[in-house]
Amino acid sequence: MSVVANFINIQKKIASAAARSGRSSEEVRLVAVTKTVPAKTVSEAIGAGIQDIGENRVQEASEKFGLLPPVRTHLIGHLQANKARRAVELFDWIHSIDSFKLAERVDKIASELGKRPSVLIQVDIGKESTKTGIDEKEVVKFAQFLVSCKNLALCGLMTIPPYFENSEDVRPFFKRLNELLAEVNSACNLATPLTELSMGMSHDFEIAIEEGATMVRIGTALFGSR
């Protein structure tokens, strides 16, 4: 199937999953994961209606973004401190803020560049050694710190749960992230509560939406296997 046909199919699945949880599909943002996808193909997806693209690596984004029509850009991979400046220059959203040290650096750079990126806390719910994220016990404290960072707009939480052949097995991880968001909102007592939950990928995004996802990061289902 073409990227356009895949996009239409994904939109239908998003709408169905949202309806099952009593929500509107407009509450769910599709972030097209464009890792290793040529700029020409990404441009085709943007032409079909994709408004948000996500890259895992700063270097690849740096090489690709200048070749694309304007869209919202998301860093969804781990951010190394030495790539922070370029990340702030390139991305509207950073999903992977996972330490106090990194947050301080990004906040300082954003101040220097006159920018205020939207950020999410990456939470390590699955406790996998191959994945990064802040421990869930530290999430409230970390969120309170991020709220105090004048040059960062904290919007919510992100997680990458373990992979399961049966996507239903991942539901408890998504449910837990939603619970953590409620805990953060209660503890931080914000005038405008945080709303964003970035969770769910090609094989489990429908489950994620049922559990409250507002952003789903989809690559393979849209562009095919790499």
C-alpha atoms as a PDB file:
ATOM      1  CA  MET A   1       0.000   0.000   0.000  1.00  0.00           C
ATOM      2  CA  SER A   2       1.071   3.578  -0.574  1.00  0.00           C
ATOM      3  CA  VAL A   3       1.919   6.003   2.216  1.00  0.00           C
ATOM      4  CA  VAL A   4      -1.304   7.879   1.455  1.00  0.00           C
ATOM      5  CA  ALA A   5      -3.396   4.697   1.748  1.00  0.00           C
ATOM      6  CA  ASN A   6      -1.608   3.741   4.955  1.00  0.00           C
ATOM      7  CA  PHE A   7      -2.274   7.202   6.388  1.00  0.00           C
ATOM      8  CA  ILE A   8      -5.987   6.930   5.631  1.00  0.00           C
ATOM      9  CA  ASN A   9      -6.108   3.474   7.246  1.00  0.00           C
ATOM     10  CA  ILE A  10      -4.305   4.697  10.372  1.00  0.00           C
ATOM     11  CA  GLN A  11      -6.659   7.673  10.671  1.00  0.00           C
ATOM     12  CA  LYS A  12      -9.624   5.264  10.656  1.00  0.00           C
ATOM     13  CA  LYS A  13      -8.040   3.148  13.389  1.00  0.00           C
ATOM     14  CA  ILE A  14      -7.299   6.238  15.480  1.00  0.00           C
ATOM     15  CA  ALA A  15     -10.910   7.386  15.149  1.00  0.00           C
ATOM     16  CA  SER A  16     -12.248   3.946  16.139  1.00  0.00           C
ATOM     17  CA  ALA A  17      -9.924   3.649  19.153  1.00  0.00           C
ATOM     18  CA  ALA A  18     -10.815   7.161  20.291  1.00  0.00           C
ATOM     19  CA  ALA A  19     -14.531   6.415  19.961  1.00  0.00           C
ATOM     20  CA  ARG A  20     -14.144   3.262  22.055  1.00  0.00           C
ATOM     21  CA  SER A  21     -12.770   5.383  24.888  1.00  0.00           C
ATOM     22  CA  GLY A  22     -15.367   8.120  24.520  1.00  0.00           C
ATOM     23  CA  ARG A  23     -12.975  10.575  22.914  1.00  0.00           C
ATOM     24  CA  SER A  24     -12.665  12.447  19.643  1.00  0.00           C
ATOM     25  CA  SER A  25      -9.955  11.591  17.127  1.00  0.00           C
ATOM     26  CA  GLU A  26      -9.068  15.296  17.211  1.00  0.00           C
ATOM     27  CA  GLU A  27      -7.643  14.691  20.699  1.00  0.00           C
ATOM     28  CA  VAL A  28      -4.988  12.366  19.234  1.00  0.00           C
ATOM     29  CA  ARG A  29      -1.981  13.662  17.328  1.00  0.00           C
ATOM     30  CA  LEU A  30      -0.282  11.337  14.854  1.00  0.00           C
ATOM     31  CA  VAL A  31       3.493  11.826  14.929  1.00  0.00           C
ATOM     32  CA  ALA A  32       4.945  10.203  11.819  1.00  0.00           C
ATOM     33  CA  VAL A  33       8.243   8.534  12.720  1.00  0.00           C
ATOM     34  CA  THR A  34      10.544   9.313   9.803  1.00  0.00           C
ATOM     35  CA  LYS A  35      13.739   7.587  10.950  1.00  0.00           C
ATOM     36  CA  THR A  36      15.674   6.452   7.805  1.00  0.00           C
ATOM     37  CA  VAL A  37      12.752   7.497   5.567  1.00  0.00           C
ATOM     38  CA  PRO A  38      13.950   9.552   2.548  1.00  0.00           C
ATOM     39  CA  ALA A  39      12.909  13.207   2.448  1.00  0.00           C
ATOM     40  CA  LYS A  40      10.947  12.595  -0.767  1.00  0.00           C
ATOM     41  CA  THR A  41       8.752   9.996   0.942  1.00  0.00           C
ATOM     42  CA  VAL A  42       8.298  12.183   4.018  1.00  0.00           C
ATOM     43  CA  SER A  43       7.236  15.060   1.756  1.00  0.00           C
ATOM     44  CA  GLU A  44       4.645  12.756   0.188  1.00  0.00           C
ATOM     45  CA  ALA A  45       3.248  12.002   3.640  1.00  0.00           C
ATOM     46  CA  ILE A  46       3.140  15.703   4.493  1.00  0.00           C
ATOM     47  CA  GLY A  47       1.307  16.327   1.238  1.00  0.00           C
ATOM     48  CA  ALA A  48      -1.244  13.712   2.293  1.00  0.00           C
ATOM     49  CA  GLY A  49      -1.941  15.594   5.501  1.00  0.00           C
ATOM     50  CA  ILE A  50       0.718  14.631   8.045  1.00  0.00           C
ATOM     51  CA  GLN A  51       1.315  17.668  10.268  1.00  0.00           C
ATOM     52  CA  ASP A  52       3.821  16.252  12.785  1.00  0.00           C
ATOM     53  CA  ILE A  53       7.027  14.304  12.143  1.00  0.00           C
ATOM     54  CA  GLY A  54       9.312  12.651  14.653  1.00  0.00           C
ATOM     55  CA  GLU A  55      12.996  11.833  14.355  1.00  0.00           C
ATOM     56  CA  ASN A  56      15.114   9.696  16.667  1.00  0.00           C
ATOM     57  CA  ARG A  57      18.449  11.294  15.900  1.00  0.00           C
ATOM     58  CA  VAL A  58      19.444  14.943  15.813  1.00  0.00           C
ATOM     59  CA  GLN A  59      21.976  14.396  13.027  1.00  0.00           C
ATOM     60  CA  GLU A  60      19.456  12.800  10.661  1.00  0.00           C
ATOM     61  CA  ALA A  61      16.952  15.565  11.370  1.00  0.00           C
ATOM     62  CA  SER A  62      19.602  18.185  10.647  1.00  0.00           C
ATOM     63  CA  GLU A  63      20.216  16.658   7.225  1.00  0.00           C
ATOM     64  CA  LYS A  64      16.541  16.115   6.362  1.00  0.00           C
ATOM     65  CA  PHE A  65      14.418  18.943   7.740  1.00  0.00           C
ATOM     66  CA  GLY A  66      15.685  21.565   5.302  1.00  0.00           C
ATOM     67  CA  LEU A  67      14.356  19.440   2.434  1.00  0.00           C
ATOM     68  CA  LEU A  68      10.818  19.242   3.815  1.00  0.00           C
ATOM     69  CA  PRO A  69       7.749  21.494   3.807  1.00  0.00           C
ATOM     70  CA  PRO A  70       7.122  23.187   7.180  1.00  0.00           C
ATOM     71  CA  VAL A  71       5.556  20.922   9.827  1.00  0.00           C
ATOM     72  CA  ARG A  72       5.760  20.481  13.589  1.00  0.00           C
ATOM     73  CA  THR A  73       8.921  18.597  14.504  1.00  0.00           C
ATOM     74  CA  HIS A  74       9.406  16.180  17.391  1.00  0.00           C
ATOM     75  CA  LEU A  75      12.553  14.632  18.841  1.00  0.00           C
ATOM     76  CA  ILE A  76      11.418  11.226  20.056  1.00  0.00           C
ATOM     77  CA  GLY A  77      14.798   9.554  20.603  1.00  0.00           C
ATOM     78  CA  HIS A  78      17.273   9.868  23.445  1.00  0.00           C
ATOM     79  CA  LEU A  79      18.924  13.287  23.572  1.00  0.00           C
ATOM     80  CA  GLN A  80      22.637  13.421  24.301  1.00  0.00           C
ATOM     81  CA  ALA A  81      23.827  16.554  26.090  1.00  0.00           C
ATOM     82  CA  ASN A  82      26.283  17.403  23.311  1.00  0.00           C
ATOM     83  CA  LYS A  83      23.403  17.483  20.787  1.00  0.00           C
ATOM     84  CA  ALA A  84      21.147  19.666  22.925  1.00  0.00           C
ATOM     85  CA  ARG A  85      21.851  22.962  21.169  1.00  0.00           C
ATOM     86  CA  ARG A  86      21.107  21.584  17.721  1.00  0.00           C
ATOM     87  CA  ALA A  87      18.008  19.858  19.075  1.00  0.00           C
ATOM     88  CA  VAL A  88      16.622  23.132  20.433  1.00  0.00           C
ATOM     89  CA  GLU A  89      17.321  24.753  17.070  1.00  0.00           C
ATOM     90  CA  LEU A  90      15.571  22.007  15.091  1.00  0.00           C
ATOM     91  CA  PHE A  91      12.672  20.693  17.136  1.00  0.00           C
ATOM     92  CA  ASP A  92       9.397  22.186  18.331  1.00  0.00           C
ATOM     93  CA  TRP A  93       8.874  19.266  20.736  1.00  0.00           C
ATOM     94  CA  ILE A  94      11.372  17.199  22.735  1.00  0.00           C
ATOM     95  CA  HIS A  95       9.751  14.002  24.059  1.00  0.00           C
ATOM     96  CA  SER A  96      12.814  12.626  25.831  1.00  0.00           C
ATOM     97  CA  ILE A  97      13.762  14.878  28.746  1.00  0.00           C
ATOM     98  CA  ASP A  98      14.960  12.302  31.260  1.00  0.00           C
ATOM     99  CA  SER A  99      17.345  13.897  33.768  1.00  0.00           C
ATOM    100  CA  PHE A 100      17.790  17.063  35.813  1.00  0.00           C
ATOM    101  CA  LYS A 101      21.168  17.688  34.183  1.00  0.00           C
ATOM    102  CA  LEU A 102      19.735  17.462  30.663  1.00  0.00           C
ATOM    103  CA  ALA A 103      16.773  19.670  31.583  1.00  0.00           C
ATOM    104  CA  GLU A 104      19.103  22.345  32.960  1.00  0.00           C
ATOM    105  CA  ARG A 105      21.176  22.284  29.796  1.00  0.00           C
ATOM    106  CA  VAL A 106      18.198  22.478  27.441  1.00  0.00           C
ATOM    107  CA  ASP A 107      16.682  25.301  29.508  1.00  0.00           C
ATOM    108  CA  LYS A 108      19.937  27.290  29.373  1.00  0.00           C
ATOM    109  CA  ILE A 109      20.321  26.787  25.619  1.00  0.00           C
ATOM    110  CA  ALA A 110      16.682  27.699  24.979  1.00  0.00           C
ATOM    111  CA  SER A 111      17.248  30.939  26.885  1.00  0.00           C
ATOM    112  CA  GLU A 112      20.327  31.736  24.790  1.00  0.00           C
ATOM    113  CA  LEU A 113      18.441  31.047  21.553  1.00  0.00           C
ATOM    114  CA  GLY A 114      15.279  32.866  22.578  1.00  0.00           C
ATOM    115  CA  LYS A 115      13.178  29.718  22.225  1.00  0.00           C
ATOM    116  CA  ARG A 116      10.753  27.812  24.451  1.00  0.00           C
ATOM    117  CA  PRO A 117      10.397  24.216  23.252  1.00  0.00           C
ATOM    118  CA  SER A 118       7.525  22.043  24.374  1.00  0.00           C
ATOM    119  CA  VAL A 119       8.907  19.136  26.379  1.00  0.00           C
ATOM    120  CA  LEU A 120       7.761  15.807  27.773  1.00  0.00           C
ATOM    121  CA  ILE A 121       9.247  13.757  30.593  1.00  0.00           C
ATOM    122  CA  GLN A 122      10.356  10.329  29.410  1.00  0.00           C
ATOM    123  CA  VAL A 123       9.377   7.863  32.133  1.00  0.00           C
ATOM    124  CA  ASP A 124      11.044   4.487  32.600  1.00  0.00           C
ATOM    125  CA  ILE A 125       8.066   2.314  33.433  1.00  0.00           C
ATOM    126  CA  GLY A 126       9.310  -0.920  31.861  1.00  0.00           C
ATOM    127  CA  LYS A 127      12.672  -0.958  33.689  1.00  0.00           C
ATOM    128  CA  GLU A 128      14.515  -2.169  30.575  1.00  0.00           C
ATOM    129  CA  SER A 129      18.284  -1.658  30.528  1.00  0.00           C
ATOM    130  CA  THR A 130      18.206  -0.740  26.825  1.00  0.00           C
ATOM    131  CA  LYS A 131      15.868   2.201  27.346  1.00  0.00           C
ATOM    132  CA  THR A 132      16.256   5.527  29.104  1.00  0.00           C
ATOM    133  CA  GLY A 133      13.849   7.534  31.215  1.00  0.00           C
ATOM    134  CA  ILE A 134      13.405   8.874  34.711  1.00  0.00           C
ATOM    135  CA  ASP A 135      12.223   6.492  37.424  1.00  0.00           C
ATOM    136  CA  GLU A 136       8.517   6.827  38.047  1.00  0.00           C
ATOM    137  CA  LYS A 137       9.201   7.530  41.737  1.00  0.00           C
ATOM    138  CA  GLU A 138      11.024  10.710  40.662  1.00  0.00           C
ATOM    139  CA  VAL A 139       8.439  11.946  38.172  1.00  0.00           C
ATOM    140  CA  VAL A 140       6.584  14.374  40.447  1.00  0.00           C
ATOM    141  CA  LYS A 141       9.801  15.938  41.757  1.00  0.00           C
ATOM    142  CA  PHE A 142      11.179  16.202  38.228  1.00  0.00           C
ATOM    143  CA  ALA A 143       7.964  17.742  36.918  1.00  0.00           C
ATOM    144  CA  GLN A 144       8.051  20.365  39.670  1.00  0.00           C
ATOM    145  CA  PHE A 145      11.595  21.235  38.633  1.00  0.00           C
ATOM    146  CA  LEU A 146      10.665  21.494  34.951  1.00  0.00           C
ATOM    147  CA  VAL A 147       7.744  23.773  35.747  1.00  0.00           C
ATOM    148  CA  SER A 148      10.276  26.145  37.311  1.00  0.00           C
ATOM    149  CA  CYS A 149      12.349  26.236  34.096  1.00  0.00           C
ATOM    150  CA  LYS A 150      11.281  29.472  32.417  1.00  0.00           C
ATOM    151  CA  ASN A 151      12.420  28.449  28.934  1.00  0.00           C
ATOM    152  CA  LEU A 152      10.770  25.030  28.796  1.00  0.00           C
ATOM    153  CA  ALA A 153       7.055  24.376  28.319  1.00  0.00           C
ATOM    154  CA  LEU A 154       6.313  21.135  30.164  1.00  0.00           C
ATOM    155  CA  CYS A 155       3.300  19.523  28.499  1.00  0.00           C
ATOM    156  CA  GLY A 156       3.150  15.949  29.789  1.00  0.00           C
ATOM    157  CA  LEU A 157       4.758  12.517  29.837  1.00  0.00           C
ATOM    158  CA  MET A 158       6.183   9.978  27.398  1.00  0.00           C
ATOM    159  CA  THR A 159       7.103   6.313  27.668  1.00  0.00           C
ATOM    160  CA  ILE A 160       8.433   3.451  25.555  1.00  0.00           C
ATOM    161  CA  PRO A 161       7.102   0.255  27.149  1.00  0.00           C
ATOM    162  CA  PRO A 162       8.427  -3.259  26.555  1.00  0.00           C
ATOM    163  CA  TYR A 163       7.444  -4.925  23.298  1.00  0.00           C
ATOM    164  CA  PHE A 164       4.839  -7.696  23.495  1.00  0.00           C
ATOM    165  CA  GLU A 165       3.613  -9.871  20.633  1.00  0.00           C
ATOM    166  CA  ASN A 166       0.155  -9.526  22.137  1.00  0.00           C
ATOM    167  CA  SER A 167      -0.390  -5.763  22.229  1.00  0.00           C
ATOM    168  CA  GLU A 168      -3.009  -6.180  24.956  1.00  0.00           C
ATOM    169  CA  ASP A 169      -0.166  -7.047  27.373  1.00  0.00           C
ATOM    170  CA  VAL A 170       1.160  -3.486  27.136  1.00  0.00           C
ATOM    171  CA  ARG A 171      -2.061  -1.920  28.428  1.00  0.00           C
ATOM    172  CA  PRO A 172      -0.934  -1.743  32.116  1.00  0.00           C
ATOM    173  CA  PHE A 173       2.082   0.368  31.121  1.00  0.00           C
ATOM    174  CA  PHE A 174      -0.079   2.891  29.289  1.00  0.00           C
ATOM    175  CA  LYS A 175      -2.582   2.943  32.126  1.00  0.00           C
ATOM    176  CA  ARG A 176       0.248   3.632  34.586  1.00  0.00           C
ATOM    177  CA  LEU A 177       1.545   6.591  32.575  1.00  0.00           C
ATOM    178  CA  ASN A 178      -1.938   8.103  32.615  1.00  0.00           C
ATOM    179  CA  GLU A 179      -2.061   7.634  36.393  1.00  0.00           C
ATOM    180  CA  LEU A 180       1.322   9.340  36.739  1.00  0.00           C
ATOM    181  CA  LEU A 181       0.064  12.326  34.759  1.00  0.00           C
ATOM    182  CA  ALA A 182      -2.805  12.679  37.206  1.00  0.00           C
ATOM    183  CA  GLU A 183      -0.342  12.486  40.124  1.00  0.00           C
ATOM    184  CA  VAL A 184       1.824  15.193  38.559  1.00  0.00           C
ATOM    185  CA  ASN A 185      -1.142  17.480  37.980  1.00  0.00           C
ATOM    186  CA  SER A 186      -2.309  17.013  41.561  1.00  0.00           C
ATOM    187  CA  ALA A 187       1.135  17.681  43.033  1.00  0.00           C
ATOM    188  CA  CYS A 188       2.057  20.640  40.830  1.00  0.00           C
ATOM    189  CA  ASN A 189      -1.298  22.423  41.231  1.00  0.00           C
ATOM    190  CA  LEU A 190      -0.958  24.102  37.845  1.00  0.00           C
ATOM    191  CA  ALA A 191      -3.397  26.722  36.564  1.00  0.00           C
ATOM    192  CA  THR A 192      -3.511  24.759  33.306  1.00  0.00           C
ATOM    193  CA  PRO A 193      -3.098  21.004  33.858  1.00  0.00           C
ATOM    194  CA  LEU A 194      -0.670  18.988  31.749  1.00  0.00           C
ATOM    195  CA  THR A 195      -2.534  17.014  29.105  1.00  0.00           C
ATOM    196  CA  GLU A 196      -0.069  15.259  26.810  1.00  0.00           C
ATOM    197  CA  LEU A 197       0.635  11.524  26.872  1.00  0.00           C
ATOM    198  CA  SER A 198       3.048  10.387  24.164  1.00  0.00           C
ATOM    199  CA  MET A 199       2.681   6.615  24.054  1.00  0.00           C
ATOM    200  CA  GLY A 200       1.910   3.937  21.518  1.00  0.00           C
ATOM    201  CA  MET A 201       3.598   2.902  18.274  1.00  0.00           C
ATOM    202  CA  SER A 202       2.636   0.983  15.149  1.00  0.00           C
ATOM    203  CA  HIS A 203       1.786  -2.312  16.861  1.00  0.00           C
ATOM    204  CA  ASP A 204       0.001  -0.962  19.938  1.00  0.00           C
ATOM    205  CA  PHE A 205      -1.233   2.577  19.260  1.00  0.00           C
ATOM    206  CA  GLU A 206      -4.910   1.604  19.446  1.00  0.00           C
ATOM    207  CA  ILE A 207      -4.441   0.269  22.993  1.00  0.00           C
ATOM    208  CA  ALA A 208      -2.533   3.447  23.878  1.00  0.00           C
ATOM    209  CA  ILE A 209      -5.374   5.643  22.623  1.00  0.00           C
ATOM    210  CA  GLU A 210      -7.889   3.649  24.655  1.00  0.00           C
ATOM    211  CA  GLU A 211      -5.739   4.404  27.712  1.00  0.00           C
ATOM    212  CA  GLY A 212      -5.516   8.144  27.060  1.00  0.00           C
ATOM    213  CA  ALA A 213      -2.700   8.736  24.548  1.00  0.00           C
ATOM    214  CA  THR A 214      -2.751  12.185  22.979  1.00  0.00           C
ATOM    215  CA  MET A 215       0.266  11.488  20.747  1.00  0.00           C
ATOM    216  CA  VAL A 216       1.019   8.222  18.966  1.00  0.00           C
ATOM    217  CA  ARG A 217       4.390   7.708  17.279  1.00  0.00           C
ATOM    218  CA  ILE A 218       3.866   5.681  14.112  1.00  0.00           C
ATOM    219  CA  GLY A 219       6.519   4.692  11.594  1.00  0.00           C
ATOM    220  CA  THR A 220       6.257   1.137  10.254  1.00  0.00           C
ATOM    221  CA  ALA A 221       2.476   1.178   9.807  1.00  0.00           C
ATOM    222  CA  LEU A 222       2.809   4.359   7.769  1.00  0.00           C
ATOM    223  CA  PHE A 223       6.034   3.902   5.800  1.00  0.00           C
ATOM    224  CA  GLY A 224       6.490   0.117   5.876  1.00  0.00           C
ATOM    225  CA  SER A 225       9.368  -1.873   7.337  1.00  0.00           C
ATOM    226  CA  ARG A 226      12.741  -0.168   7.249  1.00  0.00           C
END
